[in-house]
Amino acid sequence: MSCPHVSGVAALLRQARPEWSPAAVKSALMTTAYNVDGAGGVIGDMSIGGESTPFARGAGHIDPNRAVDPGLVYDADTEDYIAFLCALGYTAEQVTLFGSSANCSARAGASLGDHNYPALSVVFTANKTAAVTQRRVVRNVGGHARATYRAKVTAPDGVRVTVTPPTLRFSARRRTQKFVVTFAQRSFGSVTKNHTFGSMEWSDRKHSVTSPIAITWPPSQVAVM
């Protein structure tokens, strides 16, 4: 039943915020969701009989009232999605089937991790151990043009997460701001699971704009307990 409920809330958001793009609506739903159940614990996963992870619950349980006023949104337009498809390995001919012409060779430097999505995911492999950098852009849609947001990170086990800059200041002339998130491994064999999770939050004390973080580790990095 998740799909019809989310679809209904998305329709209400489009009515309340007709200027928002579909990506902005999705961002508002994701970044204002919560992960706490009625008993005060993390939402459970019945399939494993324990706490759920972002792979099971996504961004969390949607909160329509908060989604109307998310503070910041991660937006994306046609050009962003064309770059994403090119980074996935699609050819220009294949992208054209979606209705837009594209020159993927001109986007050779496009990175999957830089897609302006309100979640962060990094896959480390045995041959990929260097720090990973991902870029994002947020737009202030709060009630005040002048606003200051500060980053707060709950880092997944085994990784150090750095947000640059750690503070975003918005004004009437600067409604959008860019930032970079860097993920660096702490030490070899410092994790005991194939996936570790955390979160990144931007807060101005009124709004909490939260994104889940998921890290995937190669078997060689997972310590045997």
Protein backbone atom coordinates (compact mmCIF):
# COMPACT_ATOMS: atom_id res chain seq x y z
CA MET A 1 0.00 0.00 0.00
CA SER A 2 2.99 2.35 0.08
CA CYS A 3 2.68 3.37 -3.58
CA PRO A 4 -0.93 4.67 -3.51
CA HIS A 5 -0.35 6.48 -0.23
CA VAL A 6 2.82 8.18 -1.47
CA SER A 7 1.19 8.99 -4.81
CA GLY A 8 -1.72 10.65 -3.03
CA VAL A 9 0.57 12.75 -0.85
CA ALA A 10 2.66 13.70 -3.89
CA ALA A 11 -0.51 14.92 -5.63
CA LEU A 12 -1.39 17.03 -2.59
CA LEU A 13 2.12 18.51 -2.55
CA ARG A 14 1.86 19.40 -6.24
CA GLN A 15 -1.38 21.22 -5.47
CA ALA A 16 0.15 23.06 -2.52
CA ARG A 17 3.45 23.79 -4.33
CA PRO A 18 2.62 23.91 -8.07
CA GLU A 19 6.00 25.49 -8.85
CA TRP A 20 7.87 22.40 -7.62
CA SER A 21 9.24 19.85 -10.07
CA PRO A 22 8.60 16.11 -9.55
CA ALA A 23 12.18 15.82 -8.24
CA ALA A 24 11.53 18.58 -5.69
CA VAL A 25 8.36 16.83 -4.53
CA LYS A 26 10.25 13.57 -4.09
CA SER A 27 13.02 15.38 -2.22
CA ALA A 28 10.53 16.95 0.17
CA LEU A 29 8.95 13.58 0.91
CA MET A 30 12.30 11.89 1.49
CA THR A 31 14.12 14.50 3.56
CA THR A 32 11.23 15.02 5.98
CA ALA A 33 10.48 11.32 6.53
CA TYR A 34 11.03 9.72 9.93
CA ASN A 35 12.42 6.35 11.01
CA VAL A 36 10.96 5.99 14.51
CA ASP A 37 8.01 3.73 15.25
CA GLY A 38 5.21 4.22 17.77
CA ALA A 39 7.25 2.64 20.55
CA GLY A 40 10.16 5.04 20.06
CA GLY A 41 12.48 2.58 18.36
CA VAL A 42 13.73 2.27 14.80
CA ILE A 43 11.08 1.04 12.36
CA GLY A 44 11.34 -2.75 12.25
CA ASP A 45 11.90 -5.12 9.35
CA MET A 46 9.60 -8.12 9.72
CA SER A 47 11.61 -10.14 7.20
CA ILE A 48 14.63 -10.24 9.52
CA GLY A 49 12.96 -9.66 12.87
CA GLY A 50 15.10 -6.64 13.70
CA GLU A 51 15.67 -3.00 12.88
CA SER A 52 15.16 -1.97 9.27
CA THR A 53 17.82 -0.28 7.15
CA PRO A 54 17.48 2.26 4.31
CA PHE A 55 17.56 -0.69 1.91
CA ALA A 56 14.23 -1.85 3.42
CA ARG A 57 12.50 1.37 4.53
CA GLY A 58 14.01 3.84 2.07
CA ALA A 59 14.15 7.34 3.52
CA GLY A 60 11.54 6.40 6.11
CA HIS A 61 7.85 6.98 6.87
CA ILE A 62 6.53 10.03 5.02
CA ASP A 63 5.21 13.03 6.96
CA PRO A 64 2.89 15.09 4.69
CA ASN A 65 2.69 18.08 7.02
CA ARG A 66 6.46 18.43 7.19
CA ALA A 67 6.87 17.77 3.47
CA VAL A 68 4.89 20.93 2.63
CA ASP A 69 7.67 22.95 4.27
CA PRO A 70 10.92 20.94 3.93
CA GLY A 71 13.25 23.95 4.12
CA LEU A 72 15.59 22.76 1.36
CA VAL A 73 15.05 20.59 -1.71
CA TYR A 74 17.37 18.63 -3.98
CA ASP A 75 16.06 19.44 -7.45
CA ALA A 76 16.85 17.80 -10.80
CA ASP A 77 15.82 18.62 -14.35
CA THR A 78 16.02 16.87 -17.71
CA GLU A 79 19.70 17.69 -18.13
CA ASP A 80 20.50 16.11 -14.76
CA TYR A 81 18.79 12.88 -15.74
CA ILE A 82 20.47 12.79 -19.15
CA ALA A 83 23.85 13.08 -17.40
CA PHE A 84 22.76 10.30 -15.02
CA LEU A 85 21.82 7.98 -17.89
CA CYS A 86 25.11 8.72 -19.65
CA ALA A 87 27.00 7.92 -16.44
CA LEU A 88 25.12 4.61 -16.27
CA GLY A 89 26.61 3.73 -19.64
CA TYR A 90 23.70 4.48 -21.94
CA THR A 91 24.59 5.59 -25.45
CA ALA A 92 23.27 8.77 -27.04
CA GLU A 93 20.99 6.65 -29.22
CA GLN A 94 19.53 4.91 -26.17
CA VAL A 95 19.00 8.18 -24.30
CA THR A 96 17.15 9.55 -27.33
CA LEU A 97 14.53 6.83 -26.83
CA PHE A 98 13.51 8.67 -23.64
CA GLY A 99 12.61 11.69 -25.75
CA SER A 100 15.73 13.85 -25.43
CA SER A 101 18.77 14.11 -27.63
CA ALA A 102 22.10 13.71 -25.88
CA ASN A 103 25.82 13.77 -26.48
CA CYS A 104 27.16 11.38 -23.86
CA SER A 105 30.74 11.86 -25.04
CA ALA A 106 30.47 15.49 -23.93
CA ARG A 107 29.48 14.21 -20.48
CA ALA A 108 32.36 11.76 -20.13
CA GLY A 109 33.16 13.10 -16.67
CA ALA A 110 29.64 12.60 -15.33
CA SER A 111 29.53 10.57 -12.12
CA LEU A 112 26.65 8.49 -10.80
CA GLY A 113 27.41 9.73 -7.32
CA ASP A 114 26.93 13.35 -8.38
CA HIS A 115 23.30 12.90 -9.41
CA ASN A 116 21.40 15.45 -7.30
CA TYR A 117 19.49 12.86 -5.30
CA PRO A 118 18.46 13.31 -1.62
CA ALA A 119 20.38 10.21 -0.55
CA LEU A 120 24.04 9.19 -0.61
CA SER A 121 25.47 5.80 -1.54
CA VAL A 122 29.07 4.65 -1.93
CA VAL A 123 30.31 1.25 -3.06
CA PHE A 124 33.89 0.47 -2.06
CA THR A 125 35.57 -2.43 -3.85
CA ALA A 126 38.85 -4.28 -3.36
CA ASN A 127 40.34 -2.06 -6.08
CA LYS A 128 38.55 1.11 -5.04
CA THR A 129 39.71 2.20 -1.62
CA ALA A 130 40.44 5.89 -2.19
CA ALA A 131 38.20 8.60 -0.77
CA VAL A 132 34.98 9.18 -2.72
CA THR A 133 33.54 12.63 -3.32
CA GLN A 134 29.92 13.38 -4.20
CA ARG A 135 28.43 16.77 -5.08
CA ARG A 136 24.98 18.13 -4.34
CA VAL A 137 22.94 21.32 -4.82
CA VAL A 138 20.10 22.42 -2.54
CA ARG A 139 17.55 25.18 -2.98
CA ASN A 140 15.99 27.13 -0.15
CA VAL A 141 12.19 26.86 -0.34
CA GLY A 142 11.56 27.87 3.27
CA GLY A 143 9.54 30.88 4.31
CA HIS A 144 12.62 33.06 4.87
CA ALA A 145 14.99 34.00 2.05
CA ARG A 146 17.78 34.57 4.57
CA ALA A 147 18.59 31.30 6.28
CA THR A 148 21.60 29.47 7.67
CA TYR A 149 21.84 25.68 7.67
CA ARG A 150 24.49 23.61 9.41
CA ALA A 151 25.46 20.06 8.58
CA LYS A 152 25.26 17.20 11.05
CA VAL A 153 26.54 13.75 10.10
CA THR A 154 25.94 10.39 11.69
CA ALA A 155 28.73 8.49 9.95
CA PRO A 156 28.31 4.83 9.00
CA ASP A 157 30.71 2.40 10.66
CA GLY A 158 34.10 2.26 8.96
CA VAL A 159 33.96 5.57 7.14
CA ARG A 160 34.73 9.20 7.87
CA VAL A 161 32.27 11.65 6.30
CA THR A 162 33.18 15.29 5.67
CA VAL A 163 30.76 17.94 4.40
CA THR A 164 32.27 21.02 2.71
CA PRO A 165 31.26 23.68 3.48
CA PRO A 166 29.71 22.66 6.80
CA THR A 167 27.47 25.75 6.79
CA LEU A 168 25.19 27.01 4.02
CA ARG A 169 23.98 30.61 4.03
CA PHE A 170 21.08 31.63 1.82
CA SER A 171 19.78 35.05 0.84
CA ALA A 172 17.32 36.56 -1.62
CA ARG A 173 20.10 36.56 -4.22
CA ARG A 174 21.45 33.13 -3.33
CA ARG A 175 18.57 30.70 -3.19
CA THR A 176 20.75 27.71 -4.13
CA GLN A 177 23.98 26.44 -2.59
CA LYS A 178 26.43 23.71 -3.54
CA PHE A 179 28.27 21.37 -1.19
CA VAL A 180 30.57 18.36 -1.38
CA VAL A 181 30.48 15.19 0.70
CA THR A 182 33.69 13.15 1.03
CA PHE A 183 33.78 9.54 2.22
CA ALA A 184 37.09 8.11 3.45
CA GLN A 185 37.69 4.62 4.84
CA ARG A 186 38.89 4.59 8.43
CA SER A 187 40.92 1.39 8.54
CA PHE A 188 41.12 -2.02 6.90
CA GLY A 189 38.78 -4.60 8.38
CA SER A 190 37.05 -2.08 10.67
CA VAL A 191 33.52 -3.19 9.71
CA THR A 192 31.69 -6.42 10.45
CA LYS A 193 28.89 -6.12 7.88
CA ASN A 194 28.72 -5.82 4.10
CA HIS A 195 26.61 -2.66 4.44
CA THR A 196 26.79 0.14 6.97
CA PHE A 197 24.40 3.06 7.26
CA GLY A 198 24.22 6.60 8.56
CA SER A 199 22.69 9.96 7.74
CA MET A 200 23.44 13.58 6.88
CA GLU A 201 21.22 16.40 8.07
CA TRP A 202 21.00 20.09 7.25
CA SER A 203 19.29 22.08 9.99
CA ASP A 204 18.36 25.71 10.57
CA ARG A 205 16.77 24.80 13.94
CA LYS A 206 13.32 24.83 12.33
CA HIS A 207 13.81 22.41 9.45
CA SER A 208 15.68 19.12 9.47
CA VAL A 209 16.63 18.07 5.94
CA THR A 210 17.83 14.49 6.32
CA SER A 211 19.42 12.17 3.76
CA PRO A 212 20.24 8.49 4.36
CA ILE A 213 23.79 7.26 3.73
CA ALA A 214 24.57 3.70 2.63
CA ILE A 215 28.07 2.23 2.32
CA THR A 216 28.73 -1.11 0.63
CA TRP A 217 31.95 -2.93 1.51
CA PRO A 218 33.86 -5.67 -0.35
CA PRO A 219 34.18 -9.03 1.44
CA SER A 220 37.92 -8.41 1.92
CA GLN A 221 37.14 -5.37 4.08
CA VAL A 222 34.67 -7.10 6.37
CA ALA A 223 36.26 -8.46 9.54
CA VAL A 224 35.40 -12.03 10.51
CA MET A 225 33.84 -12.08 13.97
